[in-house]
Every structure is written in C-alpha cells, then in structure tokens.
Amino acid sequence: MEKLNSKLYMENYYIMQENERLRKKAEMLNQENQALLNELKQRLAAAAAAGSPINDLNLSSSCSTSKSSKKGKK
C-alpha cells in the first residue's frame, strides 16, 4: 500500500510540475498575443490617420522570425 501511495504521490507531483510549466507558457503566450494585438491596433490607427488603404498587414520581420524559431523549439 505504501508503495502505491508513493507512486501516486510522485505521479501527482510530476503532473503539478507540468501544469505549472504549461501555466507559465500560457501566460507568456498571452502576453505576446497582447503585444501583437497592440501593434496591430497601432498600425491600423496609423493607416487610418494617414488615410491610406490597408493593403499590407504584415508584421515586422522580427515577429515572424521569433515565431518560426519558437516552432522549432517544440
């Protein structure tokens, strides 16, 4: 019985660690999404103020580079 309890305790411990890691990653991704949304809003506002049509909504090259490098880390 103690062996089973120890095993379950360790499984629970590892699950809690993984949950914490995922929570932190979700928080980081949320912050990144908020920053990108703010950048998009600023670009849209600047384009509207300039009276120019919005043809190209490409984000800066640094954003696309960071996303491609993040995908490789998975």
PDB file of N, CA and C in Angstrom:
ATOM      1  N   MET A   1       0.818  -1.192   0.000  1.00  0.00           N
ATOM      2  CA  MET A   1       0.000   0.000   0.000  1.00  0.00           C
ATOM      3  C   MET A   1       0.864   1.259   0.000  1.00  0.00           C
ATOM      4  N   GLU A   2       1.915   1.290   0.804  1.00  0.00           N
ATOM      5  CA  GLU A   2       2.793   2.461   0.834  1.00  0.00           C
ATOM      6  C   GLU A   2       3.483   2.670  -0.507  1.00  0.00           C
ATOM      7  N   LYS A   3       3.838   1.564  -1.159  1.00  0.00           N
ATOM      8  CA  LYS A   3       4.479   1.662  -2.467  1.00  0.00           C
ATOM      9  C   LYS A   3       3.534   2.320  -3.470  1.00  0.00           C
ATOM     10  N   LEU A   4       2.266   1.930  -3.437  1.00  0.00           N
ATOM     11  CA  LEU A   4       1.269   2.516  -4.319  1.00  0.00           C
ATOM     12  C   LEU A   4       1.082   3.993  -3.998  1.00  0.00           C
ATOM     13  N   ASN A   5       1.014   4.338  -2.733  1.00  0.00           N
ATOM     14  CA  ASN A   5       0.879   5.736  -2.325  1.00  0.00           C
ATOM     15  C   ASN A   5       2.070   6.564  -2.803  1.00  0.00           C
ATOM     16  N   SER A   6       3.262   6.018  -2.673  1.00  0.00           N
ATOM     17  CA  SER A   6       4.458   6.733  -3.121  1.00  0.00           C
ATOM     18  C   SER A   6       4.422   6.958  -4.627  1.00  0.00           C
ATOM     19  N   LYS A   7       4.014   5.922  -5.344  1.00  0.00           N
ATOM     20  CA  LYS A   7       3.930   6.034  -6.802  1.00  0.00           C
ATOM     21  C   LYS A   7       2.912   7.102  -7.204  1.00  0.00           C
ATOM     22  N   LEU A   8       1.744   7.079  -6.577  1.00  0.00           N
ATOM     23  CA  LEU A   8       0.709   8.069  -6.875  1.00  0.00           C
ATOM     24  C   LEU A   8       1.152   9.472  -6.485  1.00  0.00           C
ATOM     25  N   TYR A   9       1.848   9.587  -5.369  1.00  0.00           N
ATOM     26  CA  TYR A   9       2.365  10.879  -4.935  1.00  0.00           C
ATOM     27  C   TYR A   9       3.320  11.453  -5.982  1.00  0.00           C
ATOM     28  N   MET A  10       4.236  10.599  -6.485  1.00  0.00           N
ATOM     29  CA  MET A  10       5.208  11.068  -7.480  1.00  0.00           C
ATOM     30  C   MET A  10       4.513  11.442  -8.798  1.00  0.00           C
ATOM     31  N   GLU A  11       3.534  10.646  -9.199  1.00  0.00           N
ATOM     32  CA  GLU A  11       2.787  10.982 -10.420  1.00  0.00           C
ATOM     33  C   GLU A  11       2.093  12.329 -10.258  1.00  0.00           C
ATOM     34  N   ASN A  12       1.471  12.526  -9.124  1.00  0.00           N
ATOM     35  CA  ASN A  12       0.787  13.783  -8.853  1.00  0.00           C
ATOM     36  C   ASN A  12       1.779  14.948  -8.850  1.00  0.00           C
ATOM     37  N   TYR A  13       2.930  14.736  -8.252  1.00  0.00           N
ATOM     38  CA  TYR A  13       3.960  15.762  -8.199  1.00  0.00           C
ATOM     39  C   TYR A  13       4.399  16.168  -9.607  1.00  0.00           C
ATOM     40  N   TYR A  14       4.649  15.184 -10.475  1.00  0.00           N
ATOM     41  CA  TYR A  14       5.078  15.477 -11.843  1.00  0.00           C
ATOM     42  C   TYR A  14       3.975  16.172 -12.634  1.00  0.00           C
ATOM     43  N   ILE A  15       2.734  15.775 -12.390  1.00  0.00           N
ATOM     44  CA  ILE A  15       1.616  16.434 -13.062  1.00  0.00           C
ATOM     45  C   ILE A  15       1.523  17.893 -12.637  1.00  0.00           C
ATOM     46  N   MET A  16       1.705  18.152 -11.350  1.00  0.00           N
ATOM     47  CA  MET A  16       1.656  19.529 -10.863  1.00  0.00           C
ATOM     48  C   MET A  16       2.797  20.362 -11.453  1.00  0.00           C
ATOM     49  N   GLN A  17       3.982  19.769 -11.584  1.00  0.00           N
ATOM     50  CA  GLN A  17       5.101  20.485 -12.197  1.00  0.00           C
ATOM     51  C   GLN A  17       4.793  20.830 -13.649  1.00  0.00           C
ATOM     52  N   GLU A  18       4.253  19.866 -14.370  1.00  0.00           N
ATOM     53  CA  GLU A  18       3.908  20.090 -15.778  1.00  0.00           C
ATOM     54  C   GLU A  18       2.811  21.149 -15.904  1.00  0.00           C
ATOM     55  N   ASN A  19       1.837  21.120 -15.025  1.00  0.00           N
ATOM     56  CA  ASN A  19       0.787  22.143 -15.025  1.00  0.00           C
ATOM     57  C   ASN A  19       1.375  23.532 -14.799  1.00  0.00           C
ATOM     58  N   GLU A  20       2.297  23.641 -13.892  1.00  0.00           N
ATOM     59  CA  GLU A  20       2.938  24.936 -13.630  1.00  0.00           C
ATOM     60  C   GLU A  20       3.723  25.413 -14.853  1.00  0.00           C
ATOM     61  N   ARG A  21       4.443  24.488 -15.488  1.00  0.00           N
ATOM     62  CA  ARG A  21       5.203  24.839 -16.689  1.00  0.00           C
ATOM     63  C   ARG A  21       4.257  25.316 -17.796  1.00  0.00           C
ATOM     64  N   LEU A  22       3.163  24.604 -17.972  1.00  0.00           N
ATOM     65  CA  LEU A  22       2.199  24.983 -19.002  1.00  0.00           C
ATOM     66  C   LEU A  22       1.499  26.296 -18.667  1.00  0.00           C
ATOM     67  N   ARG A  23       1.235  26.528 -17.387  1.00  0.00           N
ATOM     68  CA  ARG A  23       0.613  27.793 -16.983  1.00  0.00           C
ATOM     69  C   ARG A  23       1.519  28.970 -17.312  1.00  0.00           C
ATOM     70  N   LYS A  24       2.802  28.810 -17.025  1.00  0.00           N
ATOM     71  CA  LYS A  24       3.762  29.878 -17.322  1.00  0.00           C
ATOM     72  C   LYS A  24       3.865  30.112 -18.827  1.00  0.00           C
ATOM     73  N   LYS A  25       3.860  29.029 -19.599  1.00  0.00           N
ATOM     74  CA  LYS A  25       3.935  29.164 -21.055  1.00  0.00           C
ATOM     75  C   LYS A  25       2.682  29.858 -21.583  1.00  0.00           C
ATOM     76  N   ALA A  26       1.518  29.503 -21.061  1.00  0.00           N
ATOM     77  CA  ALA A  26       0.269  30.130 -21.476  1.00  0.00           C
ATOM     78  C   ALA A  26       0.283  31.622 -21.148  1.00  0.00           C
ATOM     79  N   GLU A  27       0.815  31.961 -19.989  1.00  0.00           N
ATOM     80  CA  GLU A  27       0.913  33.368 -19.599  1.00  0.00           C
ATOM     81  C   GLU A  27       1.841  34.130 -20.556  1.00  0.00           C
ATOM     82  N   MET A  28       2.966  33.518 -20.906  1.00  0.00           N
ATOM     83  CA  MET A  28       3.901  34.147 -21.835  1.00  0.00           C
ATOM     84  C   MET A  28       3.254  34.336 -23.207  1.00  0.00           C
ATOM     85  N   LEU A  29       2.546  33.317 -23.687  1.00  0.00           N
ATOM     86  CA  LEU A  29       1.887  33.416 -24.985  1.00  0.00           C
ATOM     87  C   LEU A  29       0.789  34.477 -24.962  1.00  0.00           C
ATOM     88  N   ASN A  30       0.081  34.576 -23.861  1.00  0.00           N
ATOM     89  CA  ASN A  30      -0.944  35.603 -23.735  1.00  0.00           C
ATOM     90  C   ASN A  30      -0.321  36.996 -23.800  1.00  0.00           C
ATOM     91  N   GLN A  31       0.798  37.188 -23.124  1.00  0.00           N
ATOM     92  CA  GLN A  31       1.478  38.480 -23.169  1.00  0.00           C
ATOM     93  C   GLN A  31       1.944  38.807 -24.589  1.00  0.00           C
ATOM     94  N   GLU A  32       2.471  37.794 -25.276  1.00  0.00           N
ATOM     95  CA  GLU A  32       2.915  38.002 -26.654  1.00  0.00           C
ATOM     96  C   GLU A  32       1.720  38.358 -27.546  1.00  0.00           C
ATOM     97  N   ASN A  33       0.606  37.662 -27.350  1.00  0.00           N
ATOM     98  CA  ASN A  33      -0.592  37.969 -28.135  1.00  0.00           C
ATOM     99  C   ASN A  33      -1.079  39.387 -27.880  1.00  0.00           C
ATOM    100  N   GLN A  34      -1.047  39.819 -26.630  1.00  0.00           N
ATOM    101  CA  GLN A  34      -1.468  41.175 -26.292  1.00  0.00           C
ATOM    102  C   GLN A  34      -0.559  42.208 -26.954  1.00  0.00           C
ATOM    103  N   ALA A  35       0.749  41.954 -26.947  1.00  0.00           N
ATOM    104  CA  ALA A  35       1.695  42.870 -27.585  1.00  0.00           C
ATOM    105  C   ALA A  35       1.446  42.943 -29.084  1.00  0.00           C
ATOM    106  N   LEU A  36       1.212  41.798 -29.704  1.00  0.00           N
ATOM    107  CA  LEU A  36       0.943  41.780 -31.144  1.00  0.00           C
ATOM    108  C   LEU A  36      -0.377  42.481 -31.468  1.00  0.00           C
ATOM    109  N   LEU A  37      -1.379  42.289 -30.636  1.00  0.00           N
ATOM    110  CA  LEU A  37      -2.657  42.958 -30.844  1.00  0.00           C
ATOM    111  C   LEU A  37      -2.486  44.467 -30.728  1.00  0.00           C
ATOM    112  N   ASN A  38      -1.728  44.921 -29.743  1.00  0.00           N
ATOM    113  CA  ASN A  38      -1.471  46.353 -29.597  1.00  0.00           C
ATOM    114  C   ASN A  38      -0.737  46.902 -30.809  1.00  0.00           C
ATOM    115  N   GLU A  39       0.241  46.155 -31.317  1.00  0.00           N
ATOM    116  CA  GLU A  39       0.980  46.594 -32.502  1.00  0.00           C
ATOM    117  C   GLU A  39       0.041  46.692 -33.703  1.00  0.00           C
ATOM    118  N   LEU A  40      -0.827  45.723 -33.862  1.00  0.00           N
ATOM    119  CA  LEU A  40      -1.778  45.737 -34.969  1.00  0.00           C
ATOM    120  C   LEU A  40      -2.718  46.926 -34.860  1.00  0.00           C
ATOM    121  N   LYS A  41      -3.210  47.183 -33.655  1.00  0.00           N
ATOM    122  CA  LYS A  41      -4.099  48.331 -33.454  1.00  0.00           C
ATOM    123  C   LYS A  41      -3.396  49.639 -33.781  1.00  0.00           C
ATOM    124  N   GLN A  42      -2.122  49.751 -33.378  1.00  0.00           N
ATOM    125  CA  GLN A  42      -1.367  50.969 -33.683  1.00  0.00           C
ATOM    126  C   GLN A  42      -1.190  51.141 -35.183  1.00  0.00           C
ATOM    127  N   ARG A  43      -0.878  50.042 -35.879  1.00  0.00           N
ATOM    128  CA  ARG A  43      -0.707  50.117 -37.335  1.00  0.00           C
ATOM    129  C   ARG A  43      -2.014  50.483 -38.027  1.00  0.00           C
ATOM    130  N   LEU A  44      -3.112  49.912 -37.574  1.00  0.00           N
ATOM    131  CA  LEU A  44      -4.406  50.236 -38.161  1.00  0.00           C
ATOM    132  C   LEU A  44      -4.768  51.695 -37.906  1.00  0.00           C
ATOM    133  N   ALA A  45      -4.508  52.172 -36.700  1.00  0.00           N
ATOM    134  CA  ALA A  45      -4.801  53.560 -36.372  1.00  0.00           C
ATOM    135  C   ALA A  45      -3.931  54.506 -37.194  1.00  0.00           C
ATOM    136  N   ALA A  46      -2.654  54.156 -37.364  1.00  0.00           N
ATOM    137  CA  ALA A  46      -1.753  55.000 -38.150  1.00  0.00           C
ATOM    138  C   ALA A  46      -2.180  55.025 -39.610  1.00  0.00           C
ATOM    139  N   ALA A  47      -2.591  53.883 -40.138  1.00  0.00           N
ATOM    140  CA  ALA A  47      -3.036  53.824 -41.524  1.00  0.00           C
ATOM    141  C   ALA A  47      -4.323  54.616 -41.705  1.00  0.00           C
ATOM    142  N   ALA A  48      -5.233  54.524 -40.748  1.00  0.00           N
ATOM    143  CA  ALA A  48      -6.493  55.263 -40.824  1.00  0.00           C
ATOM    144  C   ALA A  48      -6.237  56.763 -40.729  1.00  0.00           C
ATOM    145  N   ALA A  49      -5.311  57.162 -39.868  1.00  0.00           N
ATOM    146  CA  ALA A  49      -4.985  58.577 -39.711  1.00  0.00           C
ATOM    147  C   ALA A  49      -4.336  59.130 -40.972  1.00  0.00           C
ATOM    148  N   ALA A  50      -3.557  58.311 -41.648  1.00  0.00           N
ATOM    149  CA  ALA A  50      -2.894  58.745 -42.875  1.00  0.00           C
ATOM    150  C   ALA A  50      -3.854  58.705 -44.056  1.00  0.00           C
ATOM    151  N   GLY A  51      -5.000  58.069 -43.867  1.00  0.00           N
ATOM    152  CA  GLY A  51      -5.988  57.983 -44.929  1.00  0.00           C
ATOM    153  C   GLY A  51      -5.601  57.019 -46.032  1.00  0.00           C
ATOM    154  N   SER A  52      -4.653  56.167 -45.741  1.00  0.00           N
ATOM    155  CA  SER A  52      -4.220  55.207 -46.759  1.00  0.00           C
ATOM    156  C   SER A  52      -4.980  53.901 -46.607  1.00  0.00           C
ATOM    157  N   PRO A  53      -5.217  53.235 -47.737  1.00  0.00           N
ATOM    158  CA  PRO A  53      -5.875  51.928 -47.632  1.00  0.00           C
ATOM    159  C   PRO A  53      -4.953  50.917 -46.966  1.00  0.00           C
ATOM    160  N   ILE A  54      -5.539  49.956 -46.313  1.00  0.00           N
ATOM    161  CA  ILE A  54      -4.759  48.950 -45.598  1.00  0.00           C
ATOM    162  C   ILE A  54      -4.622  47.738 -46.505  1.00  0.00           C
ATOM    163  N   ASN A  55      -3.494  47.674 -47.213  1.00  0.00           N
ATOM    164  CA  ASN A  55      -3.259  46.567 -48.126  1.00  0.00           C
ATOM    165  C   ASN A  55      -2.347  45.521 -47.536  1.00  0.00           C
ATOM    166  N   ASP A  56      -1.401  45.946 -46.712  1.00  0.00           N
ATOM    167  CA  ASP A  56      -0.387  45.021 -46.219  1.00  0.00           C
ATOM    168  C   ASP A  56      -0.348  45.081 -44.702  1.00  0.00           C
ATOM    169  N   LEU A  57      -0.777  44.002 -44.069  1.00  0.00           N
ATOM    170  CA  LEU A  57      -0.774  43.947 -42.608  1.00  0.00           C
ATOM    171  C   LEU A  57       0.346  43.061 -42.089  1.00  0.00           C
ATOM    172  N   ASN A  58       1.374  42.837 -42.886  1.00  0.00           N
ATOM    173  CA  ASN A  58       2.486  42.001 -42.436  1.00  0.00           C
ATOM    174  C   ASN A  58       3.126  42.624 -41.218  1.00  0.00           C
ATOM    175  N   LEU A  59       3.391  41.788 -40.224  1.00  0.00           N
ATOM    176  CA  LEU A  59       4.080  42.260 -39.037  1.00  0.00           C
ATOM    177  C   LEU A  59       5.558  42.395 -39.354  1.00  0.00           C
ATOM    178  N   SER A  60       6.262  43.054 -38.469  1.00  0.00           N
ATOM    179  CA  SER A  60       7.697  43.244 -38.693  1.00  0.00           C
ATOM    180  C   SER A  60       8.411  41.910 -38.823  1.00  0.00           C
ATOM    181  N   SER A  61       9.552  41.914 -39.477  1.00  0.00           N
ATOM    182  CA  SER A  61      10.287  40.668 -39.701  1.00  0.00           C
ATOM    183  C   SER A  61      10.718  40.027 -38.388  1.00  0.00           C
ATOM    184  N   SER A  62      10.922  40.833 -37.353  1.00  0.00           N
ATOM    185  CA  SER A  62      11.339  40.265 -36.072  1.00  0.00           C
ATOM    186  C   SER A  62      10.244  39.391 -35.478  1.00  0.00           C
ATOM    187  N   CYS A  63       8.990  39.746 -35.705  1.00  0.00           N
ATOM    188  CA  CYS A  63       7.891  38.938 -35.169  1.00  0.00           C
ATOM    189  C   CYS A  63       7.799  37.607 -35.901  1.00  0.00           C
ATOM    190  N   SER A  64       7.901  37.643 -37.220  1.00  0.00           N
ATOM    191  CA  SER A  64       7.791  36.380 -37.951  1.00  0.00           C
ATOM    192  C   SER A  64       8.999  35.501 -37.684  1.00  0.00           C
ATOM    193  N   THR A  65      10.156  36.101 -37.468  1.00  0.00           N
ATOM    194  CA  THR A  65      11.353  35.324 -37.153  1.00  0.00           C
ATOM    195  C   THR A  65      11.214  34.658 -35.804  1.00  0.00           C
ATOM    196  N   SER A  66      10.691  35.389 -34.830  1.00  0.00           N
ATOM    197  CA  SER A  66      10.559  34.811 -33.492  1.00  0.00           C
ATOM    198  C   SER A  66       9.552  33.682 -33.486  1.00  0.00           C
ATOM    199  N   LYS A  67       8.504  33.791 -34.294  1.00  0.00           N
ATOM    200  CA  LYS A  67       7.512  32.724 -34.330  1.00  0.00           C
ATOM    201  C   LYS A  67       8.096  31.474 -34.962  1.00  0.00           C
ATOM    202  N   SER A  68       8.872  31.639 -36.035  1.00  0.00           N
ATOM    203  CA  SER A  68       9.425  30.450 -36.680  1.00  0.00           C
ATOM    204  C   SER A  68      10.459  29.780 -35.796  1.00  0.00           C
ATOM    205  N   SER A  69      11.205  30.560 -35.030  1.00  0.00           N
ATOM    206  CA  SER A  69      12.189  29.956 -34.144  1.00  0.00           C
ATOM    207  C   SER A  69      11.506  29.254 -32.972  1.00  0.00           C
ATOM    208  N   LYS A  70      10.356  29.761 -32.532  1.00  0.00           N
ATOM    209  CA  LYS A  70       9.628  29.132 -31.437  1.00  0.00           C
ATOM    210  C   LYS A  70       9.054  27.799 -31.877  1.00  0.00           C
ATOM    211  N   LYS A  71       8.597  27.735 -33.141  1.00  0.00           N
ATOM    212  CA  LYS A  71       8.034  26.486 -33.621  1.00  0.00           C
ATOM    213  C   LYS A  71       9.092  25.399 -33.635  1.00  0.00           C
ATOM    214  N   GLY A  72      10.323  25.765 -33.932  1.00  0.00           N
ATOM    215  CA  GLY A  72      11.405  24.781 -33.985  1.00  0.00           C
ATOM    216  C   GLY A  72      11.766  24.254 -32.613  1.00  0.00           C
ATOM    217  N   LYS A  73      11.458  24.992 -31.555  1.00  0.00           N
ATOM    218  CA  LYS A  73      11.838  24.592 -30.197  1.00  0.00           C
ATOM    219  C   LYS A  73      10.910  23.530 -29.625  1.00  0.00           C
ATOM    220  N   LYS A  74       9.724  23.360 -30.226  1.00  0.00           N
ATOM    221  CA  LYS A  74       8.747  22.404 -29.686  1.00  0.00           C
ATOM    222  C   LYS A  74       9.214  21.035 -29.807  1.00  0.00           C
TER     223      LYS A  74
END
